[in-house]
Amino acid sequence: MAKIERLEIVRFLLFLDNISLNSEDFSSAWEKEIVDRIYAVDAGTAIGIDYDEAMKKIESRFVFLG
């Protein structure tokens, strides 16, 4: 993975980290999602997508300031 790709991922994660949500439900929902995805990977049922395709989907939902 190129340095610019890693920086884009970090920027996205920092964006998510700055969202102020005080709900315990939000945290438990994310925890469940993460666990479900781990099980899907372990079971071989997870469907991955190309990095460039993933970034296009992310960018279509979020505006990156740069």
PDB file of N, CA and C in Angstrom:
ATOM      1  N   MET A   1       0.853  -1.174   0.000  1.00  0.00           N
ATOM      2  CA  MET A   1       0.000   0.000   0.000  1.00  0.00           C
ATOM      3  C   MET A   1       0.902   1.241   0.000  1.00  0.00           C
ATOM      4  N   ALA A   2       0.588   2.154  -0.888  1.00  0.00           N
ATOM      5  CA  ALA A   2       1.384   3.377  -1.017  1.00  0.00           C
ATOM      6  C   ALA A   2       1.140   4.320   0.156  1.00  0.00           C
ATOM      7  N   LYS A   3       2.102   5.190   0.393  1.00  0.00           N
ATOM      8  CA  LYS A   3       2.014   6.135   1.511  1.00  0.00           C
ATOM      9  C   LYS A   3       0.755   6.997   1.400  1.00  0.00           C
ATOM     10  N   ILE A   4       0.419   7.466   0.207  1.00  0.00           N
ATOM     11  CA  ILE A   4      -0.767   8.318   0.035  1.00  0.00           C
ATOM     12  C   ILE A   4      -2.039   7.553   0.378  1.00  0.00           C
ATOM     13  N   GLU A   5      -2.077   6.261   0.061  1.00  0.00           N
ATOM     14  CA  GLU A   5      -3.241   5.442   0.406  1.00  0.00           C
ATOM     15  C   GLU A   5      -3.379   5.313   1.921  1.00  0.00           C
ATOM     16  N   ARG A   6      -2.256   5.103   2.596  1.00  0.00           N
ATOM     17  CA  ARG A   6      -2.294   5.004   4.061  1.00  0.00           C
ATOM     18  C   ARG A   6      -2.749   6.323   4.674  1.00  0.00           C
ATOM     19  N   LEU A   7      -2.274   7.441   4.116  1.00  0.00           N
ATOM     20  CA  LEU A   7      -2.680   8.751   4.630  1.00  0.00           C
ATOM     21  C   LEU A   7      -4.170   8.987   4.438  1.00  0.00           C
ATOM     22  N   GLU A   8      -4.721   8.543   3.321  1.00  0.00           N
ATOM     23  CA  GLU A   8      -6.160   8.695   3.080  1.00  0.00           C
ATOM     24  C   GLU A   8      -6.973   7.895   4.094  1.00  0.00           C
ATOM     25  N   ILE A   9      -6.499   6.701   4.405  1.00  0.00           N
ATOM     26  CA  ILE A   9      -7.195   5.876   5.396  1.00  0.00           C
ATOM     27  C   ILE A   9      -7.111   6.533   6.773  1.00  0.00           C
ATOM     28  N   VAL A  10      -5.945   7.034   7.129  1.00  0.00           N
ATOM     29  CA  VAL A  10      -5.793   7.710   8.423  1.00  0.00           C
ATOM     30  C   VAL A  10      -6.717   8.919   8.498  1.00  0.00           C
ATOM     31  N   ARG A  11      -6.773   9.700   7.428  1.00  0.00           N
ATOM     32  CA  ARG A  11      -7.643  10.880   7.420  1.00  0.00           C
ATOM     33  C   ARG A  11      -9.109  10.469   7.625  1.00  0.00           C
ATOM     34  N   PHE A  12      -9.516   9.401   6.965  1.00  0.00           N
ATOM     35  CA  PHE A  12     -10.882   8.913   7.123  1.00  0.00           C
ATOM     36  C   PHE A  12     -11.137   8.462   8.563  1.00  0.00           C
ATOM     37  N   LEU A  13     -10.190   7.730   9.149  1.00  0.00           N
ATOM     38  CA  LEU A  13     -10.357   7.264  10.529  1.00  0.00           C
ATOM     39  C   LEU A  13     -10.391   8.422  11.512  1.00  0.00           C
ATOM     40  N   LEU A  14      -9.569   9.439  11.279  1.00  0.00           N
ATOM     41  CA  LEU A  14      -9.596  10.627  12.141  1.00  0.00           C
ATOM     42  C   LEU A  14     -10.934  11.345  12.020  1.00  0.00           C
ATOM     43  N   PHE A  15     -11.472  11.391  10.811  1.00  0.00           N
ATOM     44  CA  PHE A  15     -12.793  11.986  10.608  1.00  0.00           C
ATOM     45  C   PHE A  15     -13.831  11.252  11.448  1.00  0.00           C
ATOM     46  N   LEU A  16     -13.815   9.927  11.388  1.00  0.00           N
ATOM     47  CA  LEU A  16     -14.775   9.141  12.168  1.00  0.00           C
ATOM     48  C   LEU A  16     -14.575   9.351  13.660  1.00  0.00           C
ATOM     49  N   ASP A  17     -13.323   9.460  14.088  1.00  0.00           N
ATOM     50  CA  ASP A  17     -13.013   9.637  15.492  1.00  0.00           C
ATOM     51  C   ASP A  17     -13.518  10.974  16.022  1.00  0.00           C
ATOM     52  N   ASN A  18     -13.614  11.970  15.162  1.00  0.00           N
ATOM     53  CA  ASN A  18     -14.049  13.302  15.583  1.00  0.00           C
ATOM     54  C   ASN A  18     -15.561  13.460  15.634  1.00  0.00           C
ATOM     55  N   ILE A  19     -16.289  12.458  15.192  1.00  0.00           N
ATOM     56  CA  ILE A  19     -17.745  12.515  15.287  1.00  0.00           C
ATOM     57  C   ILE A  19     -18.121  12.321  16.750  1.00  0.00           C
ATOM     58  N   SER A  20     -18.844  13.286  17.310  1.00  0.00           N
ATOM     59  CA  SER A  20     -19.183  13.157  18.733  1.00  0.00           C
ATOM     60  C   SER A  20     -20.522  12.448  18.889  1.00  0.00           C
ATOM     61  N   LEU A  21     -20.435  11.230  19.305  1.00  0.00           N
ATOM     62  CA  LEU A  21     -21.629  10.432  19.575  1.00  0.00           C
ATOM     63  C   LEU A  21     -21.482   9.887  20.993  1.00  0.00           C
ATOM     64  N   ASN A  22     -22.448  10.201  21.823  1.00  0.00           N
ATOM     65  CA  ASN A  22     -22.365   9.806  23.224  1.00  0.00           C
ATOM     66  C   ASN A  22     -23.143   8.529  23.530  1.00  0.00           C
ATOM     67  N   SER A  23     -23.684   7.921  22.524  1.00  0.00           N
ATOM     68  CA  SER A  23     -24.548   6.773  22.730  1.00  0.00           C
ATOM     69  C   SER A  23     -23.751   5.481  22.909  1.00  0.00           C
ATOM     70  N   GLU A  24     -24.083   4.751  23.951  1.00  0.00           N
ATOM     71  CA  GLU A  24     -23.492   3.424  24.161  1.00  0.00           C
ATOM     72  C   GLU A  24     -23.940   2.479  23.052  1.00  0.00           C
ATOM     73  N   ASP A  25     -25.155   2.703  22.535  1.00  0.00           N
ATOM     74  CA  ASP A  25     -25.669   1.862  21.458  1.00  0.00           C
ATOM     75  C   ASP A  25     -24.783   1.949  20.225  1.00  0.00           C
ATOM     76  N   PHE A  26     -24.256   3.137  19.945  1.00  0.00           N
ATOM     77  CA  PHE A  26     -23.381   3.322  18.790  1.00  0.00           C
ATOM     78  C   PHE A  26     -22.137   2.449  18.929  1.00  0.00           C
ATOM     79  N   SER A  27     -21.513   2.479  20.095  1.00  0.00           N
ATOM     80  CA  SER A  27     -20.306   1.683  20.325  1.00  0.00           C
ATOM     81  C   SER A  27     -20.590   0.195  20.212  1.00  0.00           C
ATOM     82  N   SER A  28     -21.685  -0.251  20.791  1.00  0.00           N
ATOM     83  CA  SER A  28     -21.988  -1.680  20.736  1.00  0.00           C
ATOM     84  C   SER A  28     -22.370  -2.105  19.325  1.00  0.00           C
ATOM     85  N   ALA A  29     -22.992  -1.224  18.561  1.00  0.00           N
ATOM     86  CA  ALA A  29     -23.335  -1.547  17.174  1.00  0.00           C
ATOM     87  C   ALA A  29     -22.066  -1.724  16.342  1.00  0.00           C
ATOM     88  N   TRP A  30     -21.080  -0.838  16.544  1.00  0.00           N
ATOM     89  CA  TRP A  30     -19.816  -0.966  15.821  1.00  0.00           C
ATOM     90  C   TRP A  30     -19.085  -2.227  16.254  1.00  0.00           C
ATOM     91  N   GLU A  31     -19.108  -2.528  17.538  1.00  0.00           N
ATOM     92  CA  GLU A  31     -18.442  -3.735  18.024  1.00  0.00           C
ATOM     93  C   GLU A  31     -19.058  -4.978  17.380  1.00  0.00           C
ATOM     94  N   LYS A  32     -20.374  -5.021  17.311  1.00  0.00           N
ATOM     95  CA  LYS A  32     -21.060  -6.155  16.677  1.00  0.00           C
ATOM     96  C   LYS A  32     -20.681  -6.242  15.204  1.00  0.00           C
ATOM     97  N   GLU A  33     -20.650  -5.114  14.518  1.00  0.00           N
ATOM     98  CA  GLU A  33     -20.284  -5.100  13.094  1.00  0.00           C
ATOM     99  C   GLU A  33     -18.875  -5.642  12.881  1.00  0.00           C
ATOM    100  N   ILE A  34     -17.946  -5.226  13.719  1.00  0.00           N
ATOM    101  CA  ILE A  34     -16.558  -5.679  13.603  1.00  0.00           C
ATOM    102  C   ILE A  34     -16.468  -7.183  13.830  1.00  0.00           C
ATOM    103  N   VAL A  35     -17.136  -7.675  14.867  1.00  0.00           N
ATOM    104  CA  VAL A  35     -17.115  -9.107  15.172  1.00  0.00           C
ATOM    105  C   VAL A  35     -17.740  -9.898  14.023  1.00  0.00           C
ATOM    106  N   ASP A  36     -18.862  -9.412  13.494  1.00  0.00           N
ATOM    107  CA  ASP A  36     -19.516 -10.092  12.367  1.00  0.00           C
ATOM    108  C   ASP A  36     -18.586 -10.169  11.157  1.00  0.00           C
ATOM    109  N   ARG A  37     -17.849  -9.088  10.902  1.00  0.00           N
ATOM    110  CA  ARG A  37     -16.930  -9.079   9.757  1.00  0.00           C
ATOM    111  C   ARG A  37     -15.764 -10.038   9.975  1.00  0.00           C
ATOM    112  N   ILE A  38     -15.271 -10.122  11.197  1.00  0.00           N
ATOM    113  CA  ILE A  38     -14.185 -11.068  11.503  1.00  0.00           C
ATOM    114  C   ILE A  38     -14.653 -12.492  11.259  1.00  0.00           C
ATOM    115  N   TYR A  39     -15.862 -12.811  11.727  1.00  0.00           N
ATOM    116  CA  TYR A  39     -16.401 -14.153  11.502  1.00  0.00           C
ATOM    117  C   TYR A  39     -16.568 -14.437  10.008  1.00  0.00           C
ATOM    118  N   ALA A  40     -17.001 -13.452   9.248  1.00  0.00           N
ATOM    119  CA  ALA A  40     -17.175 -13.637   7.805  1.00  0.00           C
ATOM    120  C   ALA A  40     -15.837 -13.909   7.118  1.00  0.00           C
ATOM    121  N   VAL A  41     -14.807 -13.206   7.531  1.00  0.00           N
ATOM    122  CA  VAL A  41     -13.468 -13.440   6.961  1.00  0.00           C
ATOM    123  C   VAL A  41     -13.000 -14.844   7.325  1.00  0.00           C
ATOM    124  N   ASP A  42     -13.149 -15.211   8.603  1.00  0.00           N
ATOM    125  CA  ASP A  42     -12.716 -16.535   9.050  1.00  0.00           C
ATOM    126  C   ASP A  42     -13.486 -17.652   8.346  1.00  0.00           C
ATOM    127  N   ALA A  43     -14.766 -17.410   8.060  1.00  0.00           N
ATOM    128  CA  ALA A  43     -15.597 -18.424   7.409  1.00  0.00           C
ATOM    129  C   ALA A  43     -15.405 -18.446   5.895  1.00  0.00           C
ATOM    130  N   GLY A  44     -14.706 -17.452   5.370  1.00  0.00           N
ATOM    131  CA  GLY A  44     -14.490 -17.381   3.927  1.00  0.00           C
ATOM    132  C   GLY A  44     -15.684 -16.837   3.167  1.00  0.00           C
ATOM    133  N   THR A  45     -16.607 -16.191   3.876  1.00  0.00           N
ATOM    134  CA  THR A  45     -17.798 -15.655   3.213  1.00  0.00           C
ATOM    135  C   THR A  45     -17.730 -14.153   2.987  1.00  0.00           C
ATOM    136  N   ALA A  46     -16.657 -13.516   3.459  1.00  0.00           N
ATOM    137  CA  ALA A  46     -16.500 -12.072   3.266  1.00  0.00           C
ATOM    138  C   ALA A  46     -16.167 -11.798   1.806  1.00  0.00           C
ATOM    139  N   ILE A  47     -16.718 -10.728   1.300  1.00  0.00           N
ATOM    140  CA  ILE A  47     -16.437 -10.328  -0.073  1.00  0.00           C
ATOM    141  C   ILE A  47     -15.640  -9.033  -0.026  1.00  0.00           C
ATOM    142  N   GLY A  48     -14.413  -9.096  -0.489  1.00  0.00           N
ATOM    143  CA  GLY A  48     -13.561  -7.915  -0.484  1.00  0.00           C
ATOM    144  C   GLY A  48     -13.715  -7.121  -1.769  1.00  0.00           C
ATOM    145  N   ILE A  49     -13.298  -5.863  -1.702  1.00  0.00           N
ATOM    146  CA  ILE A  49     -13.293  -5.038  -2.902  1.00  0.00           C
ATOM    147  C   ILE A  49     -11.927  -4.393  -3.049  1.00  0.00           C
ATOM    148  N   ASP A  50     -11.609  -4.011  -4.259  1.00  0.00           N
ATOM    149  CA  ASP A  50     -10.352  -3.362  -4.581  1.00  0.00           C
ATOM    150  C   ASP A  50     -10.221  -2.050  -3.817  1.00  0.00           C
ATOM    151  N   TYR A  51      -8.978  -1.687  -3.435  1.00  0.00           N
ATOM    152  CA  TYR A  51      -8.729  -0.458  -2.682  1.00  0.00           C
ATOM    153  C   TYR A  51      -9.287   0.759  -3.405  1.00  0.00           C
ATOM    154  N   ASP A  52      -9.013   0.884  -4.698  1.00  0.00           N
ATOM    155  CA  ASP A  52      -9.483   2.055  -5.453  1.00  0.00           C
ATOM    156  C   ASP A  52     -11.008   2.149  -5.450  1.00  0.00           C
ATOM    157  N   GLU A  53     -11.667   1.007  -5.577  1.00  0.00           N
ATOM    158  CA  GLU A  53     -13.130   0.988  -5.535  1.00  0.00           C
ATOM    159  C   GLU A  53     -13.638   1.401  -4.154  1.00  0.00           C
ATOM    160  N   ALA A  54     -12.978   0.905  -3.116  1.00  0.00           N
ATOM    161  CA  ALA A  54     -13.373   1.271  -1.750  1.00  0.00           C
ATOM    162  C   ALA A  54     -13.221   2.772  -1.525  1.00  0.00           C
ATOM    163  N   MET A  55     -12.098   3.343  -1.981  1.00  0.00           N
ATOM    164  CA  MET A  55     -11.878   4.776  -1.804  1.00  0.00           C
ATOM    165  C   MET A  55     -12.913   5.604  -2.570  1.00  0.00           C
ATOM    166  N   LYS A  56     -13.315   5.154  -3.745  1.00  0.00           N
ATOM    167  CA  LYS A  56     -14.352   5.866  -4.504  1.00  0.00           C
ATOM    168  C   LYS A  56     -15.663   5.876  -3.722  1.00  0.00           C
ATOM    169  N   LYS A  57     -15.997   4.747  -3.121  1.00  0.00           N
ATOM    170  CA  LYS A  57     -17.229   4.672  -2.328  1.00  0.00           C
ATOM    171  C   LYS A  57     -17.149   5.594  -1.112  1.00  0.00           C
ATOM    172  N   ILE A  58     -16.007   5.593  -0.442  1.00  0.00           N
ATOM    173  CA  ILE A  58     -15.828   6.455   0.727  1.00  0.00           C
ATOM    174  C   ILE A  58     -15.903   7.917   0.316  1.00  0.00           C
ATOM    175  N   GLU A  59     -15.193   8.276  -0.754  1.00  0.00           N
ATOM    176  CA  GLU A  59     -15.173   9.659  -1.206  1.00  0.00           C
ATOM    177  C   GLU A  59     -16.546  10.137  -1.672  1.00  0.00           C
ATOM    178  N   SER A  60     -17.369   9.209  -2.174  1.00  0.00           N
ATOM    179  CA  SER A  60     -18.713   9.612  -2.606  1.00  0.00           C
ATOM    180  C   SER A  60     -19.607   9.932  -1.409  1.00  0.00           C
ATOM    181  N   ARG A  61     -19.242   9.428  -0.244  1.00  0.00           N
ATOM    182  CA  ARG A  61     -20.037   9.684   0.966  1.00  0.00           C
ATOM    183  C   ARG A  61     -19.494  10.812   1.815  1.00  0.00           C
ATOM    184  N   PHE A  62     -18.196  11.064   1.722  1.00  0.00           N
ATOM    185  CA  PHE A  62     -17.556  12.060   2.573  1.00  0.00           C
ATOM    186  C   PHE A  62     -16.763  13.032   1.732  1.00  0.00           C
ATOM    187  N   VAL A  63     -16.710  14.257   2.169  1.00  0.00           N
ATOM    188  CA  VAL A  63     -15.900  15.254   1.500  1.00  0.00           C
ATOM    189  C   VAL A  63     -14.612  15.408   2.285  1.00  0.00           C
ATOM    190  N   PHE A  64     -13.486  15.140   1.636  1.00  0.00           N
ATOM    191  CA  PHE A  64     -12.189  15.284   2.285  1.00  0.00           C
ATOM    192  C   PHE A  64     -11.669  16.686   2.026  1.00  0.00           C
ATOM    193  N   LEU A  65     -11.261  17.327   3.075  1.00  0.00           N
ATOM    194  CA  LEU A  65     -10.666  18.659   2.928  1.00  0.00           C
ATOM    195  C   LEU A  65      -9.177  18.458   2.710  1.00  0.00           C
ATOM    196  N   GLY A  66      -8.648  19.075   1.724  1.00  0.00           N
ATOM    197  CA  GLY A  66      -7.254  18.819   1.480  1.00  0.00           C
ATOM    198  C   GLY A  66      -6.594  19.897   0.852  1.00  0.00           C
TER     199      GLY A  66
END
